[in-house]
């Protein structure tokens, strides 16, 4: 069992998407980041950088004590190695996947985050920062586009944790010029993850239907001020009937 400490942000979505893709049992623990719950001592014991997501693996493969982890890239890598899924064991494909995973966590996510901040949350306009992060966001989407012109997935021919890491930032990008469909790279990535069959981040959980990220009524656990990206795990059943995963939130 994985205990996932979560808020519905792109980095939080990375982990729910992986867990649903591979069918690994987990419990969601909501962390109200607008109320400062990420600074509470019990959470800092798990995530000393006071950021979500974080996990506690109650049954690590070595049979020892539970393992607590923070940082979304490390969590994805750990879970991929734990399950043997979504990360190749082949030297070249593994290396390609990991370089794109690190590209996302070191560049694509942080720079889109800064672009979002200076365009929407800065207390006063900072023209230099707005231009800097706009241009860097544009450059990074160009890198994404170039890779997806060469390969169907980031890092090669197979769907992996690199795609899962990048997808939430593309589909929930708050920069109007870079929403999916505006640039071919973003559009291609979203199409890849929304196909009705095969690998995707709009997921086939293998139990009750397609697992996705939907725009629900705001769960009570996450007040409006906590949600920059108001999506939440859900199950899409017959006729697109939605079952929310809020029951799994602790």
Protein backbone atom coordinates (compact mmCIF):
# COMPACT_ATOMS: atom_id res chain seq x y z
CA UNK A 1 0.00 0.00 0.00
CA UNK A 2 1.22 3.47 -0.95
CA UNK A 3 0.20 6.46 1.15
CA UNK A 4 0.20 9.47 -1.16
CA UNK A 5 0.26 12.99 0.25
CA UNK A 6 -1.39 15.00 -2.46
CA UNK A 7 -2.88 18.22 -3.71
CA UNK A 8 -4.41 18.49 -7.20
CA UNK A 9 -1.50 20.24 -8.91
CA UNK A 10 0.48 18.99 -11.93
CA UNK A 11 3.13 17.46 -9.67
CA UNK A 12 0.47 15.78 -7.55
CA UNK A 13 -1.24 14.42 -10.65
CA UNK A 14 1.97 12.75 -11.82
CA UNK A 15 1.79 10.24 -9.00
CA UNK A 16 -1.95 9.49 -9.16
CA UNK A 17 -1.58 8.92 -12.89
CA UNK A 18 1.23 6.43 -12.39
CA UNK A 19 -0.54 4.60 -9.59
CA UNK A 20 -3.74 4.29 -11.61
CA UNK A 21 -1.84 3.21 -14.71
CA UNK A 22 -0.17 0.29 -12.97
CA UNK A 23 -3.03 -0.53 -10.58
CA UNK A 24 -0.95 -0.16 -7.43
CA UNK A 25 -3.15 0.25 -4.31
CA UNK A 26 -2.88 3.63 -2.64
CA UNK A 27 -4.52 5.99 -0.17
CA UNK A 28 -4.79 9.71 -0.82
CA UNK A 29 -4.01 12.09 2.03
CA UNK A 30 -5.09 15.62 1.17
CA UNK A 31 -2.61 18.38 1.94
CA UNK A 32 -4.21 21.82 1.95
CA UNK A 33 -1.30 23.88 0.69
CA UNK A 34 -3.19 27.18 0.90
CA UNK A 35 -3.75 26.59 4.62
CA UNK A 36 -0.08 25.80 5.19
CA UNK A 37 -0.55 22.12 6.02
CA UNK A 38 2.70 21.38 4.17
CA UNK A 39 4.57 23.06 7.04
CA UNK A 40 3.15 20.85 9.79
CA UNK A 41 5.75 18.71 11.60
CA UNK A 42 4.11 15.41 10.69
CA UNK A 43 4.25 16.26 6.99
CA UNK A 44 7.79 17.66 7.22
CA UNK A 45 8.87 14.33 8.65
CA UNK A 46 7.90 12.81 5.28
CA UNK A 47 8.73 15.74 2.99
CA UNK A 48 11.39 17.98 4.57
CA UNK A 49 11.22 20.33 1.57
CA UNK A 50 7.56 21.06 2.51
CA UNK A 51 6.31 20.26 -0.98
CA UNK A 52 3.80 17.79 -2.38
CA UNK A 53 3.73 15.09 -3.57
CA UNK A 54 5.22 12.73 -1.03
CA UNK A 55 4.67 9.04 -0.43
CA UNK A 56 5.15 6.39 2.21
CA UNK A 57 5.57 2.89 0.83
CA UNK A 58 4.22 0.62 3.53
CA UNK A 59 5.53 -2.53 1.82
CA UNK A 60 8.93 -1.87 0.22
CA UNK A 61 10.36 -4.68 -1.85
CA UNK A 62 13.19 -5.32 0.62
CA UNK A 63 10.66 -6.27 3.29
CA UNK A 64 11.96 -3.64 5.68
CA UNK A 65 10.43 -0.63 7.38
CA UNK A 66 8.19 1.78 5.41
CA UNK A 67 10.03 4.18 3.10
CA UNK A 68 9.10 7.88 2.88
CA UNK A 69 9.98 9.79 -0.28
CA UNK A 70 9.48 13.29 -1.64
CA UNK A 71 10.14 14.93 -5.06
CA UNK A 72 7.89 13.82 -7.91
CA UNK A 73 10.70 12.62 -10.19
CA UNK A 74 12.22 10.39 -7.52
CA UNK A 75 8.78 9.05 -6.61
CA UNK A 76 8.08 8.13 -10.23
CA UNK A 77 11.48 6.47 -10.57
CA UNK A 78 11.05 4.57 -7.30
CA UNK A 79 7.57 3.34 -8.19
CA UNK A 80 8.66 2.33 -11.70
CA UNK A 81 11.49 0.26 -10.24
CA UNK A 82 9.22 -1.17 -7.55
CA UNK A 83 6.61 -2.35 -10.05
CA UNK A 84 8.86 -3.03 -13.02
CA UNK A 85 6.56 -0.93 -15.19
CA UNK A 86 6.86 2.16 -17.38
CA UNK A 87 10.66 2.18 -17.28
CA UNK A 88 12.67 -0.04 -19.59
CA UNK A 89 15.39 -2.29 -18.25
CA UNK A 90 17.31 -1.86 -21.50
CA UNK A 91 20.33 0.42 -21.17
CA UNK A 92 19.57 2.80 -24.05
CA UNK A 93 15.83 3.13 -23.61
CA UNK A 94 16.18 3.54 -19.85
CA UNK A 95 18.78 6.28 -20.32
CA UNK A 96 16.57 8.09 -22.83
CA UNK A 97 13.56 7.89 -20.53
CA UNK A 98 15.47 9.19 -17.54
CA UNK A 99 16.97 12.11 -19.42
CA UNK A 100 13.47 13.27 -20.41
CA UNK A 101 12.18 12.71 -16.90
CA UNK A 102 14.99 14.90 -15.56
CA UNK A 103 14.34 17.45 -18.33
CA UNK A 104 10.79 17.76 -17.07
CA UNK A 105 11.54 18.03 -13.36
CA UNK A 106 14.53 20.35 -13.81
CA UNK A 107 13.24 22.57 -16.61
CA UNK A 108 9.82 22.12 -18.14
CA UNK A 109 7.85 22.08 -14.89
CA UNK A 110 9.76 24.79 -13.00
CA UNK A 111 9.87 27.20 -15.94
CA UNK A 112 6.16 26.80 -16.70
CA UNK A 113 5.56 27.32 -13.01
CA UNK A 114 7.52 30.56 -13.01
CA UNK A 115 5.72 31.69 -16.15
CA UNK A 116 2.41 31.02 -14.39
CA UNK A 117 3.51 32.84 -11.24
CA UNK A 118 4.73 36.03 -12.87
CA UNK A 119 1.72 36.22 -15.18
CA UNK A 120 -0.94 35.50 -12.54
CA UNK A 121 0.30 35.77 -8.95
CA UNK A 122 3.09 38.34 -8.71
CA UNK A 123 1.89 41.29 -6.60
CA UNK A 124 3.10 43.69 -9.29
CA UNK A 125 4.14 43.23 -12.94
CA UNK A 126 7.81 42.43 -13.43
CA UNK A 127 8.38 42.92 -17.18
CA UNK A 128 11.82 41.30 -17.20
CA UNK A 129 10.56 38.16 -15.44
CA UNK A 130 7.43 37.98 -17.59
CA UNK A 131 9.50 38.14 -20.78
CA UNK A 132 12.17 35.78 -19.49
CA UNK A 133 9.81 32.99 -18.50
CA UNK A 134 7.58 33.51 -21.53
CA UNK A 135 10.58 32.99 -23.83
CA UNK A 136 11.84 30.03 -21.83
CA UNK A 137 8.41 28.41 -21.90
CA UNK A 138 8.31 28.92 -25.65
CA UNK A 139 11.80 27.40 -26.02
CA UNK A 140 10.92 24.36 -23.92
CA UNK A 141 7.78 23.71 -25.94
CA UNK A 142 10.01 23.82 -29.01
CA UNK A 143 12.22 21.14 -27.47
CA UNK A 144 9.13 19.05 -26.72
CA UNK A 145 7.85 19.51 -30.26
CA UNK A 146 11.15 18.48 -31.81
CA UNK A 147 11.28 15.28 -29.77
CA UNK A 148 7.69 14.33 -30.56
CA UNK A 149 8.33 14.87 -34.23
CA UNK A 150 11.01 12.17 -34.01
CA UNK A 151 9.37 9.68 -31.63
CA UNK A 152 5.82 8.81 -30.60
CA UNK A 153 6.72 9.18 -26.92
CA UNK A 154 9.28 11.13 -24.96
CA UNK A 155 12.48 9.18 -25.11
CA UNK A 156 11.50 6.68 -27.79
CA UNK A 157 8.84 4.25 -28.92
CA UNK A 158 7.34 3.29 -25.55
CA UNK A 159 5.15 5.12 -23.07
CA UNK A 160 7.02 5.78 -19.83
CA UNK A 161 7.33 7.80 -16.65
CA UNK A 162 8.78 10.63 -18.74
CA UNK A 163 5.40 11.03 -20.48
CA UNK A 164 3.52 10.82 -17.19
CA UNK A 165 5.74 13.53 -15.69
CA UNK A 166 5.25 15.89 -18.63
CA UNK A 167 1.58 15.38 -19.41
CA UNK A 168 0.00 17.21 -16.43
CA UNK A 169 2.11 20.30 -17.08
CA UNK A 170 1.07 20.36 -20.74
CA UNK A 171 -2.63 19.79 -20.31
CA UNK A 172 -2.97 22.14 -17.34
CA UNK A 173 -0.67 24.86 -18.60
CA UNK A 174 -2.04 28.22 -17.58
CA UNK A 175 -0.14 30.14 -20.24
CA UNK A 176 -2.83 30.83 -22.90
CA UNK A 177 -0.35 30.75 -25.77
CA UNK A 178 0.80 27.27 -24.78
CA UNK A 179 -2.37 25.36 -24.10
CA UNK A 180 -2.64 21.95 -25.79
CA UNK A 181 -3.51 22.38 -29.43
CA UNK A 182 -1.74 25.71 -29.79
CA UNK A 183 1.65 24.12 -30.41
CA UNK A 184 2.09 20.79 -32.20
CA UNK A 185 4.22 19.29 -29.43
CA UNK A 186 1.64 19.89 -26.75
CA UNK A 187 -1.15 18.75 -29.01
CA UNK A 188 0.69 15.55 -29.89
CA UNK A 189 1.39 14.74 -26.27
CA UNK A 190 -2.26 15.19 -25.30
CA UNK A 191 -3.47 13.11 -28.25
CA UNK A 192 -1.08 10.34 -27.25
CA UNK A 193 -2.45 10.27 -23.74
CA UNK A 194 -6.12 10.37 -24.70
CA UNK A 195 -6.29 7.51 -27.17
CA UNK A 196 -9.14 5.07 -26.42
CA UNK A 197 -6.77 2.12 -26.40
CA UNK A 198 -3.13 1.38 -25.76
CA UNK A 199 -0.86 3.30 -23.44
CA UNK A 200 -2.03 6.67 -22.23
CA UNK A 201 -2.27 8.91 -19.24
CA UNK A 202 -6.02 9.01 -19.66
CA UNK A 203 -5.76 5.64 -18.13
CA UNK A 204 -7.23 2.19 -18.36
CA UNK A 205 -7.10 1.04 -14.77
CA UNK A 206 -8.27 -2.47 -15.64
CA UNK A 207 -10.97 -2.44 -12.97
CA UNK A 208 -13.92 -0.11 -13.46
CA UNK A 209 -13.13 1.66 -16.70
CA UNK A 210 -11.02 4.60 -17.72
CA UNK A 211 -9.29 6.58 -15.05
CA UNK A 212 -8.79 10.21 -15.92
CA UNK A 213 -8.43 13.68 -14.55
CA UNK A 214 -11.76 15.46 -14.57
CA UNK A 215 -12.96 18.89 -13.53
CA UNK A 216 -15.23 18.10 -10.56
CA UNK A 217 -17.18 20.21 -8.15
CA UNK A 218 -14.45 21.39 -5.83
CA UNK A 219 -13.92 18.74 -3.15
CA UNK A 220 -14.33 20.09 0.36
CA UNK A 221 -10.75 19.05 1.10
CA UNK A 222 -9.45 21.53 -1.47
CA UNK A 223 -10.94 25.04 -1.15
CA UNK A 224 -10.85 27.29 -4.23
CA UNK A 225 -7.78 29.16 -3.03
CA UNK A 226 -5.81 25.90 -3.00
CA UNK A 227 -6.54 24.98 -6.58
CA UNK A 228 -4.64 26.46 -9.47
CA UNK A 229 -5.45 23.39 -11.53
CA UNK A 230 -8.91 22.13 -10.50
CA UNK A 231 -8.76 18.53 -11.64
CA UNK A 232 -9.14 15.38 -9.59
CA UNK A 233 -8.79 11.62 -10.19
CA UNK A 234 -11.99 10.02 -11.38
CA UNK A 235 -13.29 6.90 -13.09
CA UNK A 236 -15.02 7.24 -16.45
CA UNK A 237 -17.53 4.46 -16.81
CA UNK A 238 -20.16 3.61 -19.41
CA UNK A 239 -21.62 6.64 -21.18
CA UNK A 240 -18.92 8.77 -19.55
CA UNK A 241 -20.52 8.37 -16.14
CA UNK A 242 -18.09 9.82 -13.63
CA UNK A 243 -17.18 8.31 -10.29
CA UNK A 244 -15.00 10.63 -8.22
CA UNK A 245 -12.05 9.26 -6.32
CA UNK A 246 -12.75 11.62 -3.40
CA UNK A 247 -13.81 8.63 -1.31
CA UNK A 248 -10.14 7.61 -1.26
CA UNK A 249 -9.03 10.90 0.23
CA UNK A 250 -8.08 10.78 3.89
